[in-house]
Amino acid sequence: MDLIRNTDIFQDLDTGSMGFNITRLPSINTAIECVIAQLYLGIPLALQPTTEKHLSRSERNTEVCTRYSQGETLEAIAKAFNLSHQRIHEIIHRWCY
């Protein structure tokens, strides 16, 4: 996303009353990056997840195994981690044994 921080891509951008003229941009991806850059102008990008509850997959899977070994149901674990009970089942059989 270096292009978002690079203001040089805006030099040929016509932002008249009809909106963006993307015909002079090299690709649709560059056009999208221009729009995103304008939408988030002045907003610093987060370098880490914005929630403090974010766990790495290995931490999450360890927690799933711990909860399962303590007798918690697949459905309750799935709800706690916002995953399907099938995904919890897969984690248990791949990580816990």
Protein backbone atom coordinates (compact mmCIF):
# COMPACT_ATOMS: atom_id res chain seq x y z
CA MET A 1 0.00 0.00 0.00
CA ASP A 2 2.91 2.35 -0.59
CA LEU A 3 0.88 4.06 -3.28
CA ILE A 4 -1.70 5.25 -0.78
CA ARG A 5 0.92 7.29 1.03
CA ASN A 6 2.44 8.52 -2.24
CA THR A 7 0.79 11.76 -3.33
CA ASP A 8 2.53 11.68 -6.75
CA ILE A 9 -0.27 9.52 -8.15
CA PHE A 10 -2.66 12.45 -7.76
CA GLN A 11 -0.75 14.81 -10.06
CA ASP A 12 -2.60 13.69 -13.21
CA LEU A 13 -5.90 13.06 -11.48
CA ASP A 14 -8.73 15.28 -12.70
CA THR A 15 -11.12 15.78 -9.78
CA GLY A 16 -13.59 18.08 -11.45
CA SER A 17 -17.27 18.34 -10.63
CA MET A 18 -17.97 15.05 -12.39
CA GLY A 19 -15.76 13.01 -10.00
CA PHE A 20 -12.53 11.19 -10.70
CA ASN A 21 -11.26 10.78 -14.24
CA ILE A 22 -9.49 7.44 -13.96
CA THR A 23 -8.65 7.14 -17.64
CA ARG A 24 -5.15 8.53 -17.03
CA LEU A 25 -4.35 6.08 -14.26
CA PRO A 26 -2.31 3.00 -15.19
CA SER A 27 -4.75 0.44 -13.75
CA ILE A 28 -8.00 -0.06 -11.90
CA ASN A 29 -5.96 -0.98 -8.81
CA THR A 30 -4.28 2.42 -8.88
CA ALA A 31 -7.68 4.08 -9.24
CA ILE A 32 -8.97 2.16 -6.23
CA GLU A 33 -5.90 3.13 -4.23
CA CYS A 34 -6.55 6.78 -5.12
CA VAL A 35 -10.13 6.60 -3.91
CA ILE A 36 -9.11 4.85 -0.68
CA ALA A 37 -6.34 7.40 -0.11
CA GLN A 38 -8.87 10.21 -0.46
CA LEU A 39 -11.37 8.52 1.84
CA TYR A 40 -8.80 7.97 4.58
CA LEU A 41 -6.82 11.19 4.08
CA GLY A 42 -5.42 12.31 7.42
CA ILE A 43 -6.34 9.10 9.24
CA PRO A 44 -3.25 7.21 10.44
CA LEU A 45 -3.04 3.56 9.44
CA ALA A 46 -3.06 1.02 12.26
CA LEU A 47 0.09 -1.06 12.43
CA GLN A 48 -1.51 -3.64 14.74
CA PRO A 49 -5.06 -4.88 15.26
CA THR A 50 -7.24 -2.24 16.88
CA THR A 51 -8.75 -4.64 19.38
CA GLU A 52 -6.97 -5.84 22.47
CA LYS A 53 -8.79 -9.17 22.25
CA HIS A 54 -6.96 -10.27 19.11
CA LEU A 55 -5.22 -13.61 19.52
CA SER A 56 -2.84 -15.31 17.16
CA ARG A 57 -4.16 -18.54 15.69
CA SER A 58 -1.93 -20.66 17.88
CA GLU A 59 -3.07 -18.76 21.00
CA ARG A 60 -6.69 -19.11 19.92
CA ASN A 61 -6.29 -22.83 19.20
CA THR A 62 -4.61 -23.40 22.57
CA GLU A 63 -7.48 -21.60 24.27
CA VAL A 64 -9.99 -23.73 22.33
CA CYS A 65 -8.21 -26.90 23.51
CA THR A 66 -8.17 -25.67 27.09
CA ARG A 67 -11.87 -24.85 27.07
CA TYR A 68 -12.74 -28.16 25.44
CA SER A 69 -10.68 -30.14 27.97
CA GLN A 70 -12.54 -28.32 30.76
CA GLY A 71 -15.83 -29.63 29.37
CA GLU A 72 -17.14 -26.63 27.44
CA THR A 73 -19.35 -27.54 24.47
CA LEU A 74 -18.37 -27.02 20.84
CA GLU A 75 -21.26 -24.61 20.38
CA ALA A 76 -20.24 -22.48 23.38
CA ILE A 77 -16.61 -22.34 22.22
CA ALA A 78 -17.70 -21.53 18.67
CA LYS A 79 -19.85 -18.66 19.90
CA ALA A 80 -17.03 -17.29 22.09
CA PHE A 81 -14.61 -17.17 19.14
CA ASN A 82 -17.18 -16.32 16.46
CA LEU A 83 -16.41 -19.52 14.55
CA SER A 84 -18.58 -22.38 13.35
CA HIS A 85 -18.86 -25.48 15.50
CA GLN A 86 -17.37 -27.42 12.57
CA ARG A 87 -14.26 -25.22 12.64
CA ILE A 88 -13.95 -25.74 16.41
CA HIS A 89 -14.25 -29.50 15.80
CA GLU A 90 -11.40 -29.30 13.26
CA ILE A 91 -9.21 -27.29 15.64
CA ILE A 92 -9.79 -29.79 18.44
CA HIS A 93 -8.87 -32.77 16.28
CA ARG A 94 -5.81 -31.09 14.74
CA TRP A 95 -4.41 -29.31 17.79
CA CYS A 96 -5.61 -31.03 20.94
CA TYR A 97 -4.55 -34.62 20.32
